[in-house]
Amino acid sequence: MFGRSSTAVLPSPVAVKIVVSGGFGVGKTTFVGAISEIEPLVTEAELTERSIGVDDTSAVSGKTTTTVALDFGRITLDESLLLYLFGTPGQDRFAFLWDDLVHGALGAIVLVDTRRIEDCFPAIDYFEEHDIPFIIGVNAFEGARRFEAAEIRDALGVAETMPLLECDARCRDSVKSVLVALTERVLARRLDRLAS
């Protein structure tokens, strides 16, 4: 004790992983970038002639790039908790990456574009098959027709209890609301399992 200074050692922060998924051009990269406190890591590549007939850009005509591996962002909730956001690529040809991206995830957000609702079916199927809690975020694209929540749930084939929030992937507060809703779903599910 003589000559030693007493300094408290803080525990390393716990990292929690959230996955943001959905179809091609639904706003996953934008969603991660809107909330990340760091410059997000994105693996965007230019759409080329090889994507003609493969990537349907009819509903997102201004889109010139696509995610080819992942998007990554981080949020520090406090000194003991970090939230890592991983955005998945939206095309089927990159599905082989999903198992690694999703491994260890606390939960997921499936973004939906109501102009191309069927594009999110593979993501919903994946999370259901792997028993990963998820919620639906309906990205409010300008000019897209608005539907009632019940209509969207019916089209997606999900239960009435599935949280479904309209959001704007460009808006930090909107993204934050979706993340809070996912956290509430994950906690409720864990409490249900403890009670049974």
C-alpha atoms as a PDB file:
ATOM      1  CA  MET A   1       0.000   0.000   0.000  1.00  0.00           C
ATOM      2  CA  PHE A   2       2.924   2.334   0.559  1.00  0.00           C
ATOM      3  CA  GLY A   3       3.633   4.367  -2.513  1.00  0.00           C
ATOM      4  CA  ARG A   4       0.755   2.846  -4.508  1.00  0.00           C
ATOM      5  CA  SER A   5      -2.063   4.985  -5.738  1.00  0.00           C
ATOM      6  CA  SER A   6      -5.504   3.479  -5.498  1.00  0.00           C
ATOM      7  CA  THR A   7      -7.321   3.757  -8.767  1.00  0.00           C
ATOM      8  CA  ALA A   8     -10.627   2.125  -9.467  1.00  0.00           C
ATOM      9  CA  VAL A   9     -10.644  -0.241 -12.412  1.00  0.00           C
ATOM     10  CA  LEU A  10     -13.796   0.145 -14.441  1.00  0.00           C
ATOM     11  CA  PRO A  11     -15.183  -2.983 -16.060  1.00  0.00           C
ATOM     12  CA  SER A  12     -15.109  -3.189 -19.827  1.00  0.00           C
ATOM     13  CA  PRO A  13     -18.371  -2.126 -21.410  1.00  0.00           C
ATOM     14  CA  VAL A  14     -20.790  -4.809 -22.545  1.00  0.00           C
ATOM     15  CA  ALA A  15     -21.450  -4.826 -26.297  1.00  0.00           C
ATOM     16  CA  VAL A  16     -24.960  -5.589 -27.548  1.00  0.00           C
ATOM     17  CA  LYS A  17     -25.550  -6.441 -31.204  1.00  0.00           C
ATOM     18  CA  ILE A  18     -28.626  -5.375 -33.194  1.00  0.00           C
ATOM     19  CA  VAL A  19     -29.185  -6.328 -36.835  1.00  0.00           C
ATOM     20  CA  VAL A  20     -30.946  -4.048 -39.340  1.00  0.00           C
ATOM     21  CA  SER A  21     -32.303  -5.980 -42.282  1.00  0.00           C
ATOM     22  CA  GLY A  22     -34.759  -5.833 -45.162  1.00  0.00           C
ATOM     23  CA  GLY A  23     -34.839  -5.783 -48.931  1.00  0.00           C
ATOM     24  CA  PHE A  24     -32.640  -4.005 -51.450  1.00  0.00           C
ATOM     25  CA  GLY A  25     -32.810  -0.215 -51.189  1.00  0.00           C
ATOM     26  CA  VAL A  26     -35.092  -0.166 -48.124  1.00  0.00           C
ATOM     27  CA  GLY A  27     -32.893   2.236 -46.130  1.00  0.00           C
ATOM     28  CA  LYS A  28     -30.680   0.039 -43.951  1.00  0.00           C
ATOM     29  CA  THR A  29     -27.487   2.029 -44.576  1.00  0.00           C
ATOM     30  CA  THR A  30     -29.353   5.282 -43.976  1.00  0.00           C
ATOM     31  CA  PHE A  31     -30.913   3.902 -40.766  1.00  0.00           C
ATOM     32  CA  VAL A  32     -27.529   2.911 -39.310  1.00  0.00           C
ATOM     33  CA  GLY A  33     -25.931   6.202 -40.369  1.00  0.00           C
ATOM     34  CA  ALA A  34     -28.708   8.315 -38.839  1.00  0.00           C
ATOM     35  CA  ILE A  35     -28.050   7.078 -35.287  1.00  0.00           C
ATOM     36  CA  SER A  36     -24.391   6.017 -35.202  1.00  0.00           C
ATOM     37  CA  GLU A  37     -22.116   8.174 -33.053  1.00  0.00           C
ATOM     38  CA  ILE A  38     -19.149   7.184 -35.202  1.00  0.00           C
ATOM     39  CA  GLU A  39     -18.713   7.518 -38.930  1.00  0.00           C
ATOM     40  CA  PRO A  40     -20.469   4.311 -39.991  1.00  0.00           C
ATOM     41  CA  LEU A  41     -18.535   1.630 -41.779  1.00  0.00           C
ATOM     42  CA  VAL A  42     -20.295   0.959 -45.056  1.00  0.00           C
ATOM     43  CA  THR A  43     -19.400  -1.465 -47.809  1.00  0.00           C
ATOM     44  CA  GLU A  44     -21.160   0.251 -50.672  1.00  0.00           C
ATOM     45  CA  ALA A  45     -20.295  -0.591 -54.258  1.00  0.00           C
ATOM     46  CA  GLU A  46     -21.492   1.046 -57.443  1.00  0.00           C
ATOM     47  CA  LEU A  47     -24.318  -0.714 -59.243  1.00  0.00           C
ATOM     48  CA  THR A  48     -22.919  -1.972 -62.529  1.00  0.00           C
ATOM     49  CA  GLU A  49     -24.253  -3.496 -65.714  1.00  0.00           C
ATOM     50  CA  ARG A  50     -23.985  -6.923 -64.035  1.00  0.00           C
ATOM     51  CA  SER A  51     -26.804  -5.941 -61.678  1.00  0.00           C
ATOM     52  CA  ILE A  52     -29.217  -5.299 -64.562  1.00  0.00           C
ATOM     53  CA  GLY A  53     -31.986  -7.857 -64.288  1.00  0.00           C
ATOM     54  CA  VAL A  54     -30.724  -8.879 -60.843  1.00  0.00           C
ATOM     55  CA  ASP A  55     -31.401  -5.788 -58.725  1.00  0.00           C
ATOM     56  CA  ASP A  56     -34.832  -4.249 -59.199  1.00  0.00           C
ATOM     57  CA  THR A  57     -34.268  -0.504 -59.018  1.00  0.00           C
ATOM     58  CA  SER A  58     -37.695   0.466 -60.391  1.00  0.00           C
ATOM     59  CA  ALA A  59     -38.946   1.742 -57.018  1.00  0.00           C
ATOM     60  CA  VAL A  60     -35.596   3.327 -56.120  1.00  0.00           C
ATOM     61  CA  SER A  61     -34.549   4.776 -59.453  1.00  0.00           C
ATOM     62  CA  GLY A  62     -32.012   7.169 -57.912  1.00  0.00           C
ATOM     63  CA  LYS A  63     -30.080   4.358 -56.216  1.00  0.00           C
ATOM     64  CA  THR A  64     -26.575   3.997 -57.631  1.00  0.00           C
ATOM     65  CA  THR A  65     -24.856   1.916 -54.931  1.00  0.00           C
ATOM     66  CA  THR A  66     -25.571  -1.198 -52.905  1.00  0.00           C
ATOM     67  CA  THR A  67     -24.258  -2.775 -49.697  1.00  0.00           C
ATOM     68  CA  VAL A  68     -22.111  -5.784 -50.558  1.00  0.00           C
ATOM     69  CA  ALA A  69     -21.101  -6.969 -47.081  1.00  0.00           C
ATOM     70  CA  LEU A  70     -22.430  -4.960 -44.126  1.00  0.00           C
ATOM     71  CA  ASP A  71     -23.035  -1.600 -42.529  1.00  0.00           C
ATOM     72  CA  PHE A  72     -21.713  -0.979 -39.031  1.00  0.00           C
ATOM     73  CA  GLY A  73     -22.479   1.722 -36.497  1.00  0.00           C
ATOM     74  CA  ARG A  74     -22.071   2.205 -32.758  1.00  0.00           C
ATOM     75  CA  ILE A  75     -23.995   3.931 -29.986  1.00  0.00           C
ATOM     76  CA  THR A  76     -22.624   4.343 -26.450  1.00  0.00           C
ATOM     77  CA  LEU A  77     -25.600   4.090 -24.112  1.00  0.00           C
ATOM     78  CA  ASP A  78     -23.433   4.653 -21.022  1.00  0.00           C
ATOM     79  CA  GLU A  79     -19.935   3.698 -19.846  1.00  0.00           C
ATOM     80  CA  SER A  80     -21.025   0.103 -19.347  1.00  0.00           C
ATOM     81  CA  LEU A  81     -23.096  -0.534 -22.477  1.00  0.00           C
ATOM     82  CA  LEU A  82     -22.340  -0.240 -26.196  1.00  0.00           C
ATOM     83  CA  LEU A  83     -24.870  -0.884 -28.931  1.00  0.00           C
ATOM     84  CA  TYR A  84     -23.464  -2.203 -32.202  1.00  0.00           C
ATOM     85  CA  LEU A  85     -25.666  -1.955 -35.294  1.00  0.00           C
ATOM     86  CA  PHE A  86     -25.054  -4.306 -38.205  1.00  0.00           C
ATOM     87  CA  GLY A  87     -26.893  -3.703 -41.473  1.00  0.00           C
ATOM     88  CA  THR A  88     -27.259  -6.698 -43.768  1.00  0.00           C
ATOM     89  CA  PRO A  89     -27.057  -6.630 -47.559  1.00  0.00           C
ATOM     90  CA  GLY A  90     -30.504  -6.766 -49.115  1.00  0.00           C
ATOM     91  CA  GLN A  91     -29.992  -9.037 -52.094  1.00  0.00           C
ATOM     92  CA  ASP A  92     -30.339 -12.822 -52.060  1.00  0.00           C
ATOM     93  CA  ARG A  93     -26.897 -13.273 -53.611  1.00  0.00           C
ATOM     94  CA  PHE A  94     -25.325 -11.994 -50.366  1.00  0.00           C
ATOM     95  CA  ALA A  95     -27.395 -14.265 -48.094  1.00  0.00           C
ATOM     96  CA  PHE A  96     -24.328 -16.393 -47.321  1.00  0.00           C
ATOM     97  CA  LEU A  97     -23.105 -13.525 -45.086  1.00  0.00           C
ATOM     98  CA  TRP A  98     -26.159 -13.517 -42.852  1.00  0.00           C
ATOM     99  CA  ASP A  99     -25.221 -16.287 -40.413  1.00  0.00           C
ATOM    100  CA  ASP A 100     -22.004 -14.492 -39.468  1.00  0.00           C
ATOM    101  CA  LEU A 101     -23.633 -11.047 -39.303  1.00  0.00           C
ATOM    102  CA  VAL A 102     -26.522 -12.234 -37.152  1.00  0.00           C
ATOM    103  CA  HIS A 103     -24.514 -14.499 -34.809  1.00  0.00           C
ATOM    104  CA  GLY A 104     -24.932 -13.270 -31.221  1.00  0.00           C
ATOM    105  CA  ALA A 105     -27.549 -10.632 -32.049  1.00  0.00           C
ATOM    106  CA  LEU A 106     -29.910  -9.591 -29.275  1.00  0.00           C
ATOM    107  CA  GLY A 107     -32.606  -8.799 -31.841  1.00  0.00           C
ATOM    108  CA  ALA A 108     -33.326  -7.402 -35.279  1.00  0.00           C
ATOM    109  CA  ILE A 109     -35.233  -4.695 -37.111  1.00  0.00           C
ATOM    110  CA  VAL A 110     -36.764  -5.549 -40.474  1.00  0.00           C
ATOM    111  CA  LEU A 111     -37.251  -2.425 -42.577  1.00  0.00           C
ATOM    112  CA  VAL A 112     -40.146  -2.465 -45.020  1.00  0.00           C
ATOM    113  CA  ASP A 113     -40.860  -0.373 -48.096  1.00  0.00           C
ATOM    114  CA  THR A 114     -44.616  -0.595 -48.764  1.00  0.00           C
ATOM    115  CA  ARG A 115     -43.973  -0.244 -52.506  1.00  0.00           C
ATOM    116  CA  ARG A 116     -42.069  -3.569 -52.421  1.00  0.00           C
ATOM    117  CA  ILE A 117     -43.352  -5.330 -49.334  1.00  0.00           C
ATOM    118  CA  GLU A 118     -42.408  -8.807 -50.582  1.00  0.00           C
ATOM    119  CA  ASP A 119     -38.707  -7.847 -50.543  1.00  0.00           C
ATOM    120  CA  CYS A 120     -38.611  -8.230 -46.748  1.00  0.00           C
ATOM    121  CA  PHE A 121     -40.032 -11.789 -46.707  1.00  0.00           C
ATOM    122  CA  PRO A 122     -36.569 -13.452 -46.670  1.00  0.00           C
ATOM    123  CA  ALA A 123     -35.525 -11.379 -43.623  1.00  0.00           C
ATOM    124  CA  ILE A 124     -38.722 -12.180 -41.719  1.00  0.00           C
ATOM    125  CA  ASP A 125     -38.379 -15.875 -42.584  1.00  0.00           C
ATOM    126  CA  TYR A 126     -34.751 -15.880 -41.441  1.00  0.00           C
ATOM    127  CA  PHE A 127     -35.428 -14.332 -38.026  1.00  0.00           C
ATOM    128  CA  GLU A 128     -38.466 -16.533 -37.419  1.00  0.00           C
ATOM    129  CA  GLU A 129     -36.540 -19.688 -38.362  1.00  0.00           C
ATOM    130  CA  HIS A 130     -33.614 -18.723 -36.092  1.00  0.00           C
ATOM    131  CA  ASP A 131     -35.886 -17.636 -33.208  1.00  0.00           C
ATOM    132  CA  ILE A 132     -34.428 -14.119 -33.099  1.00  0.00           C
ATOM    133  CA  PRO A 133     -36.790 -11.449 -31.750  1.00  0.00           C
ATOM    134  CA  PHE A 134     -37.508  -8.727 -34.296  1.00  0.00           C
ATOM    135  CA  ILE A 135     -39.805  -5.840 -35.024  1.00  0.00           C
ATOM    136  CA  ILE A 136     -40.996  -4.211 -38.248  1.00  0.00           C
ATOM    137  CA  GLY A 137     -40.005  -0.666 -39.194  1.00  0.00           C
ATOM    138  CA  VAL A 138     -42.022   0.738 -42.095  1.00  0.00           C
ATOM    139  CA  ASN A 139     -39.701   3.249 -43.741  1.00  0.00           C
ATOM    140  CA  ALA A 140     -41.837   6.180 -44.851  1.00  0.00           C
ATOM    141  CA  PHE A 141     -40.658   6.868 -48.384  1.00  0.00           C
ATOM    142  CA  GLU A 142     -42.018  10.016 -49.990  1.00  0.00           C
ATOM    143  CA  GLY A 143     -44.803   9.210 -52.404  1.00  0.00           C
ATOM    144  CA  ALA A 144     -45.326   5.688 -51.061  1.00  0.00           C
ATOM    145  CA  ARG A 145     -48.906   4.727 -50.322  1.00  0.00           C
ATOM    146  CA  ARG A 146     -49.763   4.593 -46.609  1.00  0.00           C
ATOM    147  CA  PHE A 147     -51.380   1.455 -45.232  1.00  0.00           C
ATOM    148  CA  GLU A 148     -52.968   0.628 -41.915  1.00  0.00           C
ATOM    149  CA  ALA A 149     -50.782  -1.427 -39.577  1.00  0.00           C
ATOM    150  CA  ALA A 150     -53.240  -4.344 -39.781  1.00  0.00           C
ATOM    151  CA  GLU A 151     -52.949  -4.380 -43.604  1.00  0.00           C
ATOM    152  CA  ILE A 152     -49.142  -4.494 -43.426  1.00  0.00           C
ATOM    153  CA  ARG A 153     -49.154  -7.244 -40.789  1.00  0.00           C
ATOM    154  CA  ASP A 154     -51.580  -9.238 -42.933  1.00  0.00           C
ATOM    155  CA  ALA A 155     -49.413  -8.799 -46.050  1.00  0.00           C
ATOM    156  CA  LEU A 156     -46.336  -9.873 -44.081  1.00  0.00           C
ATOM    157  CA  GLY A 157     -48.086 -12.798 -42.417  1.00  0.00           C
ATOM    158  CA  VAL A 158     -47.046 -11.731 -38.905  1.00  0.00           C
ATOM    159  CA  ALA A 159     -49.112 -11.793 -35.721  1.00  0.00           C
ATOM    160  CA  GLU A 160     -51.122  -8.852 -34.403  1.00  0.00           C
ATOM    161  CA  THR A 161     -48.702  -8.689 -31.497  1.00  0.00           C
ATOM    162  CA  MET A 162     -45.742  -7.970 -33.799  1.00  0.00           C
ATOM    163  CA  PRO A 163     -44.553  -4.416 -33.117  1.00  0.00           C
ATOM    164  CA  LEU A 164     -44.824  -2.366 -36.290  1.00  0.00           C
ATOM    165  CA  LEU A 165     -43.658   1.256 -36.344  1.00  0.00           C
ATOM    166  CA  GLU A 166     -43.632   3.789 -39.125  1.00  0.00           C
ATOM    167  CA  CYS A 167     -40.240   5.465 -39.239  1.00  0.00           C
ATOM    168  CA  ASP A 168     -38.013   7.748 -41.256  1.00  0.00           C
ATOM    169  CA  ALA A 169     -34.595   6.111 -41.617  1.00  0.00           C
ATOM    170  CA  ARG A 170     -33.044   9.560 -42.159  1.00  0.00           C
ATOM    171  CA  CYS A 171     -34.210  10.920 -38.807  1.00  0.00           C
ATOM    172  CA  ARG A 172     -32.221  10.168 -35.638  1.00  0.00           C
ATOM    173  CA  ASP A 173     -35.250  10.477 -33.311  1.00  0.00           C
ATOM    174  CA  SER A 174     -37.313   8.162 -35.504  1.00  0.00           C
ATOM    175  CA  VAL A 175     -34.532   5.555 -35.596  1.00  0.00           C
ATOM    176  CA  LYS A 176     -34.151   5.881 -31.821  1.00  0.00           C
ATOM    177  CA  SER A 177     -37.868   5.113 -31.350  1.00  0.00           C
ATOM    178  CA  VAL A 178     -37.522   1.918 -33.384  1.00  0.00           C
ATOM    179  CA  LEU A 179     -34.484   0.815 -31.347  1.00  0.00           C
ATOM    180  CA  VAL A 180     -36.365   1.469 -28.097  1.00  0.00           C
ATOM    181  CA  ALA A 181     -39.323  -0.599 -29.365  1.00  0.00           C
ATOM    182  CA  LEU A 182     -36.987  -3.486 -30.217  1.00  0.00           C
ATOM    183  CA  THR A 183     -35.417  -3.310 -26.754  1.00  0.00           C
ATOM    184  CA  GLU A 184     -38.876  -3.432 -25.161  1.00  0.00           C
ATOM    185  CA  ARG A 185     -39.783  -6.498 -27.260  1.00  0.00           C
ATOM    186  CA  VAL A 186     -36.571  -8.309 -26.349  1.00  0.00           C
ATOM    187  CA  LEU A 187     -37.086  -7.585 -22.623  1.00  0.00           C
ATOM    188  CA  ALA A 188     -40.752  -8.638 -22.716  1.00  0.00           C
ATOM    189  CA  ARG A 189     -39.837 -11.887 -24.453  1.00  0.00           C
ATOM    190  CA  ARG A 190     -37.144 -12.667 -21.881  1.00  0.00           C
ATOM    191  CA  LEU A 191     -39.528 -11.952 -19.000  1.00  0.00           C
ATOM    192  CA  ASP A 192     -42.165 -14.216 -20.595  1.00  0.00           C
ATOM    193  CA  ARG A 193     -39.645 -17.042 -20.873  1.00  0.00           C
ATOM    194  CA  LEU A 194     -38.534 -16.608 -17.266  1.00  0.00           C
ATOM    195  CA  ALA A 195     -42.155 -16.704 -16.111  1.00  0.00           C
ATOM    196  CA  SER A 196     -42.940 -19.947 -17.959  1.00  0.00           C
END
